[in-house]
Amino acid sequence: MYAVISFDDIDEMDFLPLNWIADITTLSDTQKVMRQRIVAQAYWLPSKLNVSKAKKHCLDPEVTWPVYSARILSIEMCNRVTVIFQLLKSKSLTPQIC
């Protein structure tokens, strides 16, 4: 599963595997953070690594990866994440749990 997120420090959205969200171990924890609009800490790959490949394979984050403040906008299955991401990015749709 994936989360569509909005980074707090920069005006950008992206999606990432749920295991890249720090300190969240269950889907219900992730849903709670999203519903309450709590700022989460999200791991992101250093620029030298292949982000697309890492997302596709849901690689486990390493402690050396930078961490950014982000808000979870949506939680999606793999086959829907890119579609929902594009919709949220283009139309600022209300966050949802699927």
PDB file of N, CA and C in Angstrom:
ATOM      1  N   MET A   1       0.838  -1.185   0.000  1.00  0.00           N
ATOM      2  CA  MET A   1       0.000   0.000   0.000  1.00  0.00           C
ATOM      3  C   MET A   1       0.883   1.248   0.000  1.00  0.00           C
ATOM      4  N   TYR A   2       0.277   2.318  -0.445  1.00  0.00           N
ATOM      5  CA  TYR A   2       0.999   3.577  -0.605  1.00  0.00           C
ATOM      6  C   TYR A   2       0.243   4.726   0.058  1.00  0.00           C
ATOM      7  N   ALA A   3       0.966   5.776   0.363  1.00  0.00           N
ATOM      8  CA  ALA A   3       0.373   7.007   0.865  1.00  0.00           C
ATOM      9  C   ALA A   3       0.680   8.130  -0.114  1.00  0.00           C
ATOM     10  N   VAL A   4      -0.336   8.911  -0.427  1.00  0.00           N
ATOM     11  CA  VAL A   4      -0.123  10.151  -1.160  1.00  0.00           C
ATOM     12  C   VAL A   4       0.109  11.197  -0.082  1.00  0.00           C
ATOM     13  N   ILE A   5       1.213  11.927  -0.188  1.00  0.00           N
ATOM     14  CA  ILE A   5       1.582  12.867   0.872  1.00  0.00           C
ATOM     15  C   ILE A   5       1.829  14.266   0.321  1.00  0.00           C
ATOM     16  N   SER A   6       1.717  15.220   1.209  1.00  0.00           N
ATOM     17  CA  SER A   6       2.074  16.603   0.920  1.00  0.00           C
ATOM     18  C   SER A   6       3.188  16.976   1.884  1.00  0.00           C
ATOM     19  N   PHE A   7       4.315  17.378   1.337  1.00  0.00           N
ATOM     20  CA  PHE A   7       5.444  17.766   2.183  1.00  0.00           C
ATOM     21  C   PHE A   7       5.176  19.137   2.799  1.00  0.00           C
ATOM     22  N   ASP A   8       5.427  19.285   4.084  1.00  0.00           N
ATOM     23  CA  ASP A   8       5.189  20.555   4.767  1.00  0.00           C
ATOM     24  C   ASP A   8       6.228  21.617   4.424  1.00  0.00           C
ATOM     25  N   ASP A   9       7.480  21.207   4.276  1.00  0.00           N
ATOM     26  CA  ASP A   9       8.565  22.172   4.093  1.00  0.00           C
ATOM     27  C   ASP A   9       8.658  22.727   2.674  1.00  0.00           C
ATOM     28  N   ILE A  10       8.138  21.987   1.722  1.00  0.00           N
ATOM     29  CA  ILE A  10       8.149  22.427   0.327  1.00  0.00           C
ATOM     30  C   ILE A  10       6.752  22.234  -0.234  1.00  0.00           C
ATOM     31  N   ASP A  11       6.412  22.958  -1.249  1.00  0.00           N
ATOM     32  CA  ASP A  11       5.081  22.899  -1.818  1.00  0.00           C
ATOM     33  C   ASP A  11       5.013  21.812  -2.883  1.00  0.00           C
ATOM     34  N   GLU A  12       5.108  20.537  -2.431  1.00  0.00           N
ATOM     35  CA  GLU A  12       5.088  19.416  -3.360  1.00  0.00           C
ATOM     36  C   GLU A  12       4.310  18.254  -2.781  1.00  0.00           C
ATOM     37  N   MET A  13       3.750  17.465  -3.680  1.00  0.00           N
ATOM     38  CA  MET A  13       3.073  16.226  -3.316  1.00  0.00           C
ATOM     39  C   MET A  13       3.773  15.076  -4.024  1.00  0.00           C
ATOM     40  N   ASP A  14       3.670  13.899  -3.423  1.00  0.00           N
ATOM     41  CA  ASP A  14       4.192  12.698  -4.060  1.00  0.00           C
ATOM     42  C   ASP A  14       3.542  11.506  -3.384  1.00  0.00           C
ATOM     43  N   PHE A  15       3.879  10.325  -3.830  1.00  0.00           N
ATOM     44  CA  PHE A  15       3.401   9.121  -3.160  1.00  0.00           C
ATOM     45  C   PHE A  15       4.594   8.265  -2.801  1.00  0.00           C
ATOM     46  N   LEU A  16       4.397   7.458  -1.758  1.00  0.00           N
ATOM     47  CA  LEU A  16       5.462   6.601  -1.278  1.00  0.00           C
ATOM     48  C   LEU A  16       4.880   5.382  -0.598  1.00  0.00           C
ATOM     49  N   PRO A  17       5.671   4.324  -0.488  1.00  0.00           N
ATOM     50  CA  PRO A  17       5.191   3.137   0.223  1.00  0.00           C
ATOM     51  C   PRO A  17       4.922   3.475   1.696  1.00  0.00           C
ATOM     52  N   LEU A  18       3.934   2.836   2.294  1.00  0.00           N
ATOM     53  CA  LEU A  18       3.605   3.118   3.697  1.00  0.00           C
ATOM     54  C   LEU A  18       4.783   2.870   4.634  1.00  0.00           C
ATOM     55  N   ASN A  19       5.668   1.943   4.274  1.00  0.00           N
ATOM     56  CA  ASN A  19       6.806   1.670   5.160  1.00  0.00           C
ATOM     57  C   ASN A  19       7.829   2.812   5.173  1.00  0.00           C
ATOM     58  N   TRP A  20       7.632   3.842   4.343  1.00  0.00           N
ATOM     59  CA  TRP A  20       8.513   5.008   4.378  1.00  0.00           C
ATOM     60  C   TRP A  20       8.018   6.066   5.359  1.00  0.00           C
ATOM     61  N   ILE A  21       6.881   5.824   6.000  1.00  0.00           N
ATOM     62  CA  ILE A  21       6.375   6.740   7.019  1.00  0.00           C
ATOM     63  C   ILE A  21       6.956   6.275   8.353  1.00  0.00           C
ATOM     64  N   ALA A  22       7.702   7.137   9.006  1.00  0.00           N
ATOM     65  CA  ALA A  22       8.396   6.773  10.248  1.00  0.00           C
ATOM     66  C   ALA A  22       7.409   6.611  11.403  1.00  0.00           C
ATOM     67  N   ASP A  23       7.694   5.677  12.284  1.00  0.00           N
ATOM     68  CA  ASP A  23       6.962   5.465  13.533  1.00  0.00           C
ATOM     69  C   ASP A  23       5.499   5.075  13.358  1.00  0.00           C
ATOM     70  N   ILE A  24       5.121   4.595  12.202  1.00  0.00           N
ATOM     71  CA  ILE A  24       3.761   4.094  12.000  1.00  0.00           C
ATOM     72  C   ILE A  24       3.893   2.633  11.598  1.00  0.00           C
ATOM     73  N   THR A  25       3.261   1.763  12.388  1.00  0.00           N
ATOM     74  CA  THR A  25       3.455   0.333  12.152  1.00  0.00           C
ATOM     75  C   THR A  25       2.227  -0.383  11.612  1.00  0.00           C
ATOM     76  N   THR A  26       1.047   0.235  11.737  1.00  0.00           N
ATOM     77  CA  THR A  26      -0.161  -0.441  11.266  1.00  0.00           C
ATOM     78  C   THR A  26      -0.959   0.477  10.339  1.00  0.00           C
ATOM     79  N   LEU A  27      -1.828  -0.134   9.557  1.00  0.00           N
ATOM     80  CA  LEU A  27      -2.701   0.636   8.683  1.00  0.00           C
ATOM     81  C   LEU A  27      -3.633   1.525   9.501  1.00  0.00           C
ATOM     82  N   SER A  28      -4.111   1.039  10.640  1.00  0.00           N
ATOM     83  CA  SER A  28      -5.011   1.869  11.463  1.00  0.00           C
ATOM     84  C   SER A  28      -4.276   3.082  12.026  1.00  0.00           C
ATOM     85  N   ASP A  29      -2.989   2.935  12.369  1.00  0.00           N
ATOM     86  CA  ASP A  29      -2.191   4.097  12.802  1.00  0.00           C
ATOM     87  C   ASP A  29      -2.101   5.119  11.678  1.00  0.00           C
ATOM     88  N   THR A  30      -1.865   4.633  10.462  1.00  0.00           N
ATOM     89  CA  THR A  30      -1.747   5.517   9.304  1.00  0.00           C
ATOM     90  C   THR A  30      -3.060   6.248   9.048  1.00  0.00           C
ATOM     91  N   GLN A  31      -4.170   5.526   9.141  1.00  0.00           N
ATOM     92  CA  GLN A  31      -5.480   6.147   8.939  1.00  0.00           C
ATOM     93  C   GLN A  31      -5.763   7.208   9.997  1.00  0.00           C
ATOM     94  N   LYS A  32      -5.381   6.940  11.235  1.00  0.00           N
ATOM     95  CA  LYS A  32      -5.580   7.907  12.322  1.00  0.00           C
ATOM     96  C   LYS A  32      -4.772   9.177  12.064  1.00  0.00           C
ATOM     97  N   VAL A  33      -3.518   9.021  11.678  1.00  0.00           N
ATOM     98  CA  VAL A  33      -2.655  10.171  11.372  1.00  0.00           C
ATOM     99  C   VAL A  33      -3.265  10.987  10.234  1.00  0.00           C
ATOM    100  N   MET A  34      -3.803  10.306   9.232  1.00  0.00           N
ATOM    101  CA  MET A  34      -4.402  11.002   8.099  1.00  0.00           C
ATOM    102  C   MET A  34      -5.670  11.748   8.519  1.00  0.00           C
ATOM    103  N   ARG A  35      -6.572  11.060   9.215  1.00  0.00           N
ATOM    104  CA  ARG A  35      -7.841  11.683   9.623  1.00  0.00           C
ATOM    105  C   ARG A  35      -7.618  12.899  10.510  1.00  0.00           C
ATOM    106  N   GLN A  36      -6.652  12.812  11.411  1.00  0.00           N
ATOM    107  CA  GLN A  36      -6.405  13.903  12.349  1.00  0.00           C
ATOM    108  C   GLN A  36      -5.444  14.958  11.791  1.00  0.00           C
ATOM    109  N   ARG A  37      -5.000  14.741  10.558  1.00  0.00           N
ATOM    110  CA  ARG A  37      -4.081  15.669   9.878  1.00  0.00           C
ATOM    111  C   ARG A  37      -2.812  15.940  10.697  1.00  0.00           C
ATOM    112  N   ILE A  38      -2.341  14.887  11.324  1.00  0.00           N
ATOM    113  CA  ILE A  38      -1.117  14.961  12.124  1.00  0.00           C
ATOM    114  C   ILE A  38       0.078  14.960  11.177  1.00  0.00           C
ATOM    115  N   VAL A  39       1.080  15.753  11.496  1.00  0.00           N
ATOM    116  CA  VAL A  39       2.302  15.770  10.692  1.00  0.00           C
ATOM    117  C   VAL A  39       3.071  14.482  10.967  1.00  0.00           C
ATOM    118  N   ALA A  40       3.413  13.789   9.911  1.00  0.00           N
ATOM    119  CA  ALA A  40       4.187  12.555  10.002  1.00  0.00           C
ATOM    120  C   ALA A  40       5.598  12.821   9.499  1.00  0.00           C
ATOM    121  N   GLN A  41       6.483  11.939   9.834  1.00  0.00           N
ATOM    122  CA  GLN A  41       7.854  12.011   9.334  1.00  0.00           C
ATOM    123  C   GLN A  41       8.003  10.958   8.241  1.00  0.00           C
ATOM    124  N   ALA A  42       8.380  11.411   7.054  1.00  0.00           N
ATOM    125  CA  ALA A  42       8.489  10.507   5.901  1.00  0.00           C
ATOM    126  C   ALA A  42       9.935  10.420   5.427  1.00  0.00           C
ATOM    127  N   TYR A  43      10.388   9.185   5.257  1.00  0.00           N
ATOM    128  CA  TYR A  43      11.715   8.969   4.675  1.00  0.00           C
ATOM    129  C   TYR A  43      11.641   9.250   3.181  1.00  0.00           C
ATOM    130  N   TRP A  44      12.733   9.773   2.646  1.00  0.00           N
ATOM    131  CA  TRP A  44      12.831   9.967   1.198  1.00  0.00           C
ATOM    132  C   TRP A  44      14.237   9.613   0.768  1.00  0.00           C
ATOM    133  N   LEU A  45      14.334   9.008  -0.394  1.00  0.00           N
ATOM    134  CA  LEU A  45      15.631   8.580  -0.902  1.00  0.00           C
ATOM    135  C   LEU A  45      16.568   9.747  -1.175  1.00  0.00           C
ATOM    136  N   PRO A  46      17.844   9.553  -0.928  1.00  0.00           N
ATOM    137  CA  PRO A  46      18.810  10.542  -1.400  1.00  0.00           C
ATOM    138  C   PRO A  46      18.722  10.635  -2.925  1.00  0.00           C
ATOM    139  N   SER A  47      18.991  11.778  -3.468  1.00  0.00           N
ATOM    140  CA  SER A  47      18.779  12.015  -4.904  1.00  0.00           C
ATOM    141  C   SER A  47      19.557  11.079  -5.827  1.00  0.00           C
ATOM    142  N   LYS A  48      20.625  10.500  -5.343  1.00  0.00           N
ATOM    143  CA  LYS A  48      21.433   9.643  -6.210  1.00  0.00           C
ATOM    144  C   LYS A  48      20.803   8.273  -6.473  1.00  0.00           C
ATOM    145  N   LEU A  49      19.788   7.911  -5.728  1.00  0.00           N
ATOM    146  CA  LEU A  49      19.162   6.609  -5.887  1.00  0.00           C
ATOM    147  C   LEU A  49      17.938   6.683  -6.796  1.00  0.00           C
ATOM    148  N   ASN A  50      17.526   5.562  -7.347  1.00  0.00           N
ATOM    149  CA  ASN A  50      16.396   5.491  -8.260  1.00  0.00           C
ATOM    150  C   ASN A  50      15.084   5.441  -7.468  1.00  0.00           C
ATOM    151  N   VAL A  51      14.421   6.579  -7.355  1.00  0.00           N
ATOM    152  CA  VAL A  51      13.202   6.694  -6.567  1.00  0.00           C
ATOM    153  C   VAL A  51      12.090   5.807  -7.130  1.00  0.00           C
ATOM    154  N   SER A  52      11.895   5.812  -8.436  1.00  0.00           N
ATOM    155  CA  SER A  52      10.818   5.031  -9.049  1.00  0.00           C
ATOM    156  C   SER A  52      10.961   3.536  -8.738  1.00  0.00           C
ATOM    157  N   LYS A  53      12.154   3.031  -8.872  1.00  0.00           N
ATOM    158  CA  LYS A  53      12.397   1.607  -8.618  1.00  0.00           C
ATOM    159  C   LYS A  53      12.187   1.287  -7.134  1.00  0.00           C
ATOM    160  N   ALA A  54      12.654   2.162  -6.268  1.00  0.00           N
ATOM    161  CA  ALA A  54      12.505   1.947  -4.830  1.00  0.00           C
ATOM    162  C   ALA A  54      11.037   1.964  -4.416  1.00  0.00           C
ATOM    163  N   LYS A  55      10.260   2.879  -5.007  1.00  0.00           N
ATOM    164  CA  LYS A  55       8.818   2.924  -4.723  1.00  0.00           C
ATOM    165  C   LYS A  55       8.147   1.647  -5.199  1.00  0.00           C
ATOM    166  N   LYS A  56       8.448   1.244  -6.425  1.00  0.00           N
ATOM    167  CA  LYS A  56       7.807   0.069  -7.023  1.00  0.00           C
ATOM    168  C   LYS A  56       8.032  -1.178  -6.179  1.00  0.00           C
ATOM    169  N   HIS A  57       9.230  -1.324  -5.651  1.00  0.00           N
ATOM    170  CA  HIS A  57       9.583  -2.517  -4.879  1.00  0.00           C
ATOM    171  C   HIS A  57       9.399  -2.321  -3.374  1.00  0.00           C
ATOM    172  N   CYS A  58       8.893  -1.162  -2.976  1.00  0.00           N
ATOM    173  CA  CYS A  58       8.647  -0.859  -1.554  1.00  0.00           C
ATOM    174  C   CYS A  58       9.873  -1.170  -0.683  1.00  0.00           C
ATOM    175  N   LEU A  59      11.014  -0.699  -1.150  1.00  0.00           N
ATOM    176  CA  LEU A  59      12.242  -0.937  -0.390  1.00  0.00           C
ATOM    177  C   LEU A  59      12.107  -0.382   1.027  1.00  0.00           C
ATOM    178  N   ASP A  60      12.711  -1.067   1.974  1.00  0.00           N
ATOM    179  CA  ASP A  60      12.726  -0.555   3.338  1.00  0.00           C
ATOM    180  C   ASP A  60      13.651   0.661   3.398  1.00  0.00           C
ATOM    181  N   PRO A  61      13.211   1.718   4.091  1.00  0.00           N
ATOM    182  CA  PRO A  61      14.074   2.896   4.198  1.00  0.00           C
ATOM    183  C   PRO A  61      15.291   2.596   5.068  1.00  0.00           C
ATOM    184  N   GLU A  62      16.359   3.277   4.786  1.00  0.00           N
ATOM    185  CA  GLU A  62      17.576   3.131   5.584  1.00  0.00           C
ATOM    186  C   GLU A  62      17.687   4.321   6.526  1.00  0.00           C
ATOM    187  N   VAL A  63      18.360   4.139   7.635  1.00  0.00           N
ATOM    188  CA  VAL A  63      18.484   5.212   8.627  1.00  0.00           C
ATOM    189  C   VAL A  63      19.239   6.418   8.076  1.00  0.00           C
ATOM    190  N   THR A  64      19.966   6.224   6.993  1.00  0.00           N
ATOM    191  CA  THR A  64      20.717   7.331   6.394  1.00  0.00           C
ATOM    192  C   THR A  64      19.854   8.203   5.473  1.00  0.00           C
ATOM    193  N   TRP A  65      18.633   7.738   5.137  1.00  0.00           N
ATOM    194  CA  TRP A  65      17.760   8.520   4.264  1.00  0.00           C
ATOM    195  C   TRP A  65      17.280   9.764   4.993  1.00  0.00           C
ATOM    196  N   PRO A  66      17.172  10.880   4.303  1.00  0.00           N
ATOM    197  CA  PRO A  66      16.641  12.087   4.954  1.00  0.00           C
ATOM    198  C   PRO A  66      15.160  11.901   5.308  1.00  0.00           C
ATOM    199  N   VAL A  67      14.726  12.604   6.336  1.00  0.00           N
ATOM    200  CA  VAL A  67      13.344  12.543   6.806  1.00  0.00           C
ATOM    201  C   VAL A  67      12.731  13.928   6.661  1.00  0.00           C
ATOM    202  N   TYR A  68      11.489  13.963   6.163  1.00  0.00           N
ATOM    203  CA  TYR A  68      10.788  15.229   5.937  1.00  0.00           C
ATOM    204  C   TYR A  68       9.427  15.202   6.614  1.00  0.00           C
ATOM    205  N   SER A  69       8.962  16.356   7.044  1.00  0.00           N
ATOM    206  CA  SER A  69       7.617  16.485   7.600  1.00  0.00           C
ATOM    207  C   SER A  69       6.615  16.441   6.457  1.00  0.00           C
ATOM    208  N   ALA A  70       5.560  15.653   6.645  1.00  0.00           N
ATOM    209  CA  ALA A  70       4.565  15.495   5.587  1.00  0.00           C
ATOM    210  C   ALA A  70       3.208  15.169   6.195  1.00  0.00           C
ATOM    211  N   ARG A  71       2.175  15.419   5.418  1.00  0.00           N
ATOM    212  CA  ARG A  71       0.812  15.048   5.810  1.00  0.00           C
ATOM    213  C   ARG A  71       0.291  14.020   4.816  1.00  0.00           C
ATOM    214  N   ILE A  72      -0.372  13.003   5.350  1.00  0.00           N
ATOM    215  CA  ILE A  72      -0.919  11.942   4.506  1.00  0.00           C
ATOM    216  C   ILE A  72      -2.266  12.413   3.973  1.00  0.00           C
ATOM    217  N   LEU A  73      -2.407  12.421   2.656  1.00  0.00           N
ATOM    218  CA  LEU A  73      -3.639  12.865   2.018  1.00  0.00           C
ATOM    219  C   LEU A  73      -4.544  11.702   1.640  1.00  0.00           C
ATOM    220  N   SER A  74      -3.966  10.564   1.332  1.00  0.00           N
ATOM    221  CA  SER A  74      -4.742   9.414   0.883  1.00  0.00           C
ATOM    222  C   SER A  74      -3.918   8.149   1.065  1.00  0.00           C
ATOM    223  N   ILE A  75      -4.606   7.048   1.272  1.00  0.00           N
ATOM    224  CA  ILE A  75      -3.970   5.744   1.372  1.00  0.00           C
ATOM    225  C   ILE A  75      -4.541   4.889   0.254  1.00  0.00           C
ATOM    226  N   GLU A  76      -3.666   4.327  -0.569  1.00  0.00           N
ATOM    227  CA  GLU A  76      -4.118   3.637  -1.778  1.00  0.00           C
ATOM    228  C   GLU A  76      -3.406   2.308  -1.986  1.00  0.00           C
ATOM    229  N   MET A  77      -4.087   1.448  -2.727  1.00  0.00           N
ATOM    230  CA  MET A  77      -3.475   0.206  -3.186  1.00  0.00           C
ATOM    231  C   MET A  77      -2.558   0.547  -4.364  1.00  0.00           C
ATOM    232  N   CYS A  78      -1.658  -0.326  -4.675  1.00  0.00           N
ATOM    233  CA  CYS A  78      -0.670  -0.102  -5.736  1.00  0.00           C
ATOM    234  C   CYS A  78      -1.302   0.263  -7.078  1.00  0.00           C
ATOM    235  N   ASN A  79      -2.369  -0.420  -7.459  1.00  0.00           N
ATOM    236  CA  ASN A  79      -2.952  -0.195  -8.776  1.00  0.00           C
ATOM    237  C   ASN A  79      -3.716   1.124  -8.888  1.00  0.00           C
ATOM    238  N   ARG A  80      -3.972   1.820  -7.790  1.00  0.00           N
ATOM    239  CA  ARG A  80      -4.721   3.082  -7.812  1.00  0.00           C
ATOM    240  C   ARG A  80      -3.875   4.294  -7.462  1.00  0.00           C
ATOM    241  N   VAL A  81      -2.702   4.108  -6.925  1.00  0.00           N
ATOM    242  CA  VAL A  81      -1.969   5.229  -6.352  1.00  0.00           C
ATOM    243  C   VAL A  81      -1.609   6.306  -7.371  1.00  0.00           C
ATOM    244  N   THR A  82      -1.173   5.938  -8.538  1.00  0.00           N
ATOM    245  CA  THR A  82      -0.774   6.972  -9.503  1.00  0.00           C
ATOM    246  C   THR A  82      -1.978   7.759 -10.005  1.00  0.00           C
ATOM    247  N   VAL A  83      -3.114   7.107 -10.166  1.00  0.00           N
ATOM    248  CA  VAL A  83      -4.329   7.809 -10.600  1.00  0.00           C
ATOM    249  C   VAL A  83      -4.790   8.783  -9.530  1.00  0.00           C
ATOM    250  N   ILE A  84      -4.869   8.328  -8.295  1.00  0.00           N
ATOM    251  CA  ILE A  84      -5.315   9.192  -7.194  1.00  0.00           C
ATOM    252  C   ILE A  84      -4.329  10.334  -6.983  1.00  0.00           C
ATOM    253  N   PHE A  85      -3.040  10.041  -7.073  1.00  0.00           N
ATOM    254  CA  PHE A  85      -2.028  11.086  -6.932  1.00  0.00           C
ATOM    255  C   PHE A  85      -2.243  12.193  -7.962  1.00  0.00           C
ATOM    256  N   GLN A  86      -2.455  11.823  -9.206  1.00  0.00           N
ATOM    257  CA  GLN A  86      -2.663  12.825 -10.259  1.00  0.00           C
ATOM    258  C   GLN A  86      -3.942  13.629 -10.020  1.00  0.00           C
ATOM    259  N   LEU A  87      -5.003  12.972  -9.572  1.00  0.00           N
ATOM    260  CA  LEU A  87      -6.251  13.685  -9.279  1.00  0.00           C
ATOM    261  C   LEU A  87      -6.073  14.677  -8.132  1.00  0.00           C
ATOM    262  N   LEU A  88      -5.440  14.236  -7.071  1.00  0.00           N
ATOM    263  CA  LEU A  88      -5.212  15.132  -5.932  1.00  0.00           C
ATOM    264  C   LEU A  88      -4.333  16.309  -6.339  1.00  0.00           C
ATOM    265  N   LYS A  89      -3.322  16.033  -7.105  1.00  0.00           N
ATOM    266  CA  LYS A  89      -2.388  17.078  -7.523  1.00  0.00           C
ATOM    267  C   LYS A  89      -3.066  18.107  -8.434  1.00  0.00           C
ATOM    268  N   SER A  90      -3.930  17.648  -9.321  1.00  0.00           N
ATOM    269  CA  SER A  90      -4.537  18.562 -10.289  1.00  0.00           C
ATOM    270  C   SER A  90      -5.796  19.256  -9.784  1.00  0.00           C
ATOM    271  N   LYS A  91      -6.509  18.636  -8.881  1.00  0.00           N
ATOM    272  CA  LYS A  91      -7.799  19.191  -8.480  1.00  0.00           C
ATOM    273  C   LYS A  91      -7.926  19.487  -6.998  1.00  0.00           C
ATOM    274  N   SER A  92      -6.912  19.220  -6.220  1.00  0.00           N
ATOM    275  CA  SER A  92      -6.953  19.424  -4.769  1.00  0.00           C
ATOM    276  C   SER A  92      -8.195  18.772  -4.159  1.00  0.00           C
ATOM    277  N   LEU A  93      -8.391  17.506  -4.474  1.00  0.00           N
ATOM    278  CA  LEU A  93      -9.523  16.767  -3.927  1.00  0.00           C
ATOM    279  C   LEU A  93      -9.362  16.548  -2.433  1.00  0.00           C
ATOM    280  N   THR A  94     -10.475  16.317  -1.775  1.00  0.00           N
ATOM    281  CA  THR A  94     -10.472  16.034  -0.355  1.00  0.00           C
ATOM    282  C   THR A  94      -9.757  14.709  -0.095  1.00  0.00           C
ATOM    283  N   PRO A  95      -8.884  14.657   0.918  1.00  0.00           N
ATOM    284  CA  PRO A  95      -8.216  13.400   1.242  1.00  0.00           C
ATOM    285  C   PRO A  95      -9.227  12.304   1.556  1.00  0.00           C
ATOM    286  N   GLN A  96      -8.866  11.064   1.274  1.00  0.00           N
ATOM    287  CA  GLN A  96      -9.785   9.970   1.491  1.00  0.00           C
ATOM    288  C   GLN A  96      -9.051   8.713   1.918  1.00  0.00           C
ATOM    289  N   ILE A  97      -9.791   7.836   2.555  1.00  0.00           N
ATOM    290  CA  ILE A  97      -9.266   6.519   2.904  1.00  0.00           C
ATOM    291  C   ILE A  97      -9.947   5.524   1.992  1.00  0.00           C
ATOM    292  N   CYS A  98      -9.160   4.708   1.308  1.00  0.00           N
ATOM    293  CA  CYS A  98      -9.743   3.688   0.418  1.00  0.00           C
ATOM    294  C   CYS A  98      -9.353   2.321   0.905  1.00  0.00           C
TER     295      CYS A  98
END
